[in-house]
Amino acid sequence: MSEYRDVQTAVRVEKFRIWFAWATGTFILLAIALATQDVRIVSVATQVLLVVGFLLLTFTAVRMSNALNRKAVAARREVLGD
């Protein structure tokens, strides 16, 4: 049973790291967009990159979280014999 607990703890830590990196990346993208909002052409390009970057970061974070969930379920099945 401790194997499953170890896996669950590792999954929880990795999920925290993933979502912390997502929040940090989003904050950086937002800071860049705010810093360039007064320059007309750069602002438009930055906003487009912000949206694309946000979507890519979110998609990647969700996929990584789902992969960790599958790993945790597999570990649970192995330990419980389901």
C-alpha atoms as a PDB file:
ATOM      1  CA  MET A   1       0.000   0.000   0.000  1.00  0.00           C
ATOM      2  CA  SER A   2       2.914   2.352   0.588  1.00  0.00           C
ATOM      3  CA  GLU A   3       3.827   2.045  -3.090  1.00  0.00           C
ATOM      4  CA  TYR A   4       0.463   3.530  -4.013  1.00  0.00           C
ATOM      5  CA  ARG A   5       0.861   6.312  -1.459  1.00  0.00           C
ATOM      6  CA  ASP A   6       4.301   7.113  -2.892  1.00  0.00           C
ATOM      7  CA  VAL A   7       2.854   7.286  -6.389  1.00  0.00           C
ATOM      8  CA  GLN A   8      -0.017   9.487  -5.204  1.00  0.00           C
ATOM      9  CA  THR A   9       2.398  11.850  -3.461  1.00  0.00           C
ATOM     10  CA  ALA A  10       4.614  12.029  -6.539  1.00  0.00           C
ATOM     11  CA  VAL A  11       1.602  12.688  -8.763  1.00  0.00           C
ATOM     12  CA  ARG A  12       0.356  15.458  -6.472  1.00  0.00           C
ATOM     13  CA  VAL A  13       3.790  17.129  -6.424  1.00  0.00           C
ATOM     14  CA  GLU A  14       4.156  16.898 -10.187  1.00  0.00           C
ATOM     15  CA  LYS A  15       0.682  18.326 -10.739  1.00  0.00           C
ATOM     16  CA  PHE A  16       1.553  21.233  -8.474  1.00  0.00           C
ATOM     17  CA  ARG A  17       4.738  21.840 -10.488  1.00  0.00           C
ATOM     18  CA  ILE A  18       2.842  21.670 -13.781  1.00  0.00           C
ATOM     19  CA  TRP A  19       0.169  24.149 -12.731  1.00  0.00           C
ATOM     20  CA  PHE A  20       2.708  26.441 -11.050  1.00  0.00           C
ATOM     21  CA  ALA A  21       4.671  26.535 -14.312  1.00  0.00           C
ATOM     22  CA  TRP A  22       1.410  27.238 -16.164  1.00  0.00           C
ATOM     23  CA  ALA A  23       0.592  30.141 -13.859  1.00  0.00           C
ATOM     24  CA  THR A  24       4.118  31.511 -14.111  1.00  0.00           C
ATOM     25  CA  GLY A  25       4.131  31.278 -17.909  1.00  0.00           C
ATOM     26  CA  THR A  26       0.750  32.949 -18.108  1.00  0.00           C
ATOM     27  CA  PHE A  27       1.927  35.739 -15.812  1.00  0.00           C
ATOM     28  CA  ILE A  28       5.027  36.305 -17.953  1.00  0.00           C
ATOM     29  CA  LEU A  29       2.938  36.437 -21.136  1.00  0.00           C
ATOM     30  CA  LEU A  30       0.557  38.903 -19.503  1.00  0.00           C
ATOM     31  CA  ALA A  31       3.428  41.074 -18.260  1.00  0.00           C
ATOM     32  CA  ILE A  32       4.904  41.239 -21.758  1.00  0.00           C
ATOM     33  CA  ALA A  33       1.518  42.144 -23.232  1.00  0.00           C
ATOM     34  CA  LEU A  34       1.010  44.906 -20.671  1.00  0.00           C
ATOM     35  CA  ALA A  35       4.512  46.276 -21.219  1.00  0.00           C
ATOM     36  CA  THR A  36       3.957  46.607 -24.965  1.00  0.00           C
ATOM     37  CA  GLN A  37       0.353  47.838 -24.967  1.00  0.00           C
ATOM     38  CA  ASP A  38       1.302  51.414 -25.879  1.00  0.00           C
ATOM     39  CA  VAL A  39       3.110  50.448 -29.092  1.00  0.00           C
ATOM     40  CA  ARG A  40       0.318  49.868 -31.587  1.00  0.00           C
ATOM     41  CA  ILE A  41       1.772  47.208 -33.948  1.00  0.00           C
ATOM     42  CA  VAL A  42       3.745  45.416 -31.254  1.00  0.00           C
ATOM     43  CA  SER A  43       0.658  45.367 -29.039  1.00  0.00           C
ATOM     44  CA  VAL A  44      -1.431  43.538 -31.627  1.00  0.00           C
ATOM     45  CA  ALA A  45       1.313  40.997 -32.276  1.00  0.00           C
ATOM     46  CA  THR A  46       1.837  40.533 -28.558  1.00  0.00           C
ATOM     47  CA  GLN A  47      -1.854  39.975 -27.925  1.00  0.00           C
ATOM     48  CA  VAL A  48      -1.995  37.351 -30.649  1.00  0.00           C
ATOM     49  CA  LEU A  49       1.084  35.632 -29.200  1.00  0.00           C
ATOM     50  CA  LEU A  50      -0.446  35.886 -25.726  1.00  0.00           C
ATOM     51  CA  VAL A  51      -3.569  34.049 -26.812  1.00  0.00           C
ATOM     52  CA  VAL A  52      -1.608  31.401 -28.714  1.00  0.00           C
ATOM     53  CA  GLY A  53       0.855  30.965 -25.841  1.00  0.00           C
ATOM     54  CA  PHE A  54      -1.931  30.721 -23.285  1.00  0.00           C
ATOM     55  CA  LEU A  55      -3.739  28.090 -25.333  1.00  0.00           C
ATOM     56  CA  LEU A  56      -0.547  26.065 -25.814  1.00  0.00           C
ATOM     57  CA  LEU A  57       0.360  26.287 -22.128  1.00  0.00           C
ATOM     58  CA  THR A  58      -3.137  25.242 -21.086  1.00  0.00           C
ATOM     59  CA  PHE A  59      -3.299  22.364 -23.569  1.00  0.00           C
ATOM     60  CA  THR A  60       0.085  21.059 -22.449  1.00  0.00           C
ATOM     61  CA  ALA A  61      -0.725  21.362 -18.740  1.00  0.00           C
ATOM     62  CA  VAL A  62      -4.020  19.507 -19.149  1.00  0.00           C
ATOM     63  CA  ARG A  63      -2.394  16.728 -21.174  1.00  0.00           C
ATOM     64  CA  MET A  64       0.372  16.307 -18.601  1.00  0.00           C
ATOM     65  CA  SER A  65      -2.139  16.236 -15.748  1.00  0.00           C
ATOM     66  CA  ASN A  66      -4.223  13.632 -17.549  1.00  0.00           C
ATOM     67  CA  ALA A  67      -1.132  11.486 -18.113  1.00  0.00           C
ATOM     68  CA  LEU A  68      -0.334  11.667 -14.409  1.00  0.00           C
ATOM     69  CA  ASN A  69      -3.918  10.704 -13.566  1.00  0.00           C
ATOM     70  CA  ARG A  70      -3.637   7.652 -15.811  1.00  0.00           C
ATOM     71  CA  LYS A  71      -0.379   6.717 -14.100  1.00  0.00           C
ATOM     72  CA  ALA A  72      -2.019   6.994 -10.670  1.00  0.00           C
ATOM     73  CA  VAL A  73      -4.983   4.865 -11.765  1.00  0.00           C
ATOM     74  CA  ALA A  74      -2.619   2.216 -13.134  1.00  0.00           C
ATOM     75  CA  ALA A  75      -0.694   2.166  -9.858  1.00  0.00           C
ATOM     76  CA  ARG A  76      -3.935   1.869  -7.901  1.00  0.00           C
ATOM     77  CA  ARG A  77      -5.104  -1.042 -10.031  1.00  0.00           C
ATOM     78  CA  GLU A  78      -1.754  -2.752  -9.597  1.00  0.00           C
ATOM     79  CA  VAL A  79      -1.803  -2.373  -5.814  1.00  0.00           C
ATOM     80  CA  LEU A  80      -5.470  -3.262  -5.314  1.00  0.00           C
ATOM     81  CA  GLY A  81      -5.527  -5.978  -7.947  1.00  0.00           C
ATOM     82  CA  ASP A  82      -8.443  -4.514  -9.927  1.00  0.00           C
END
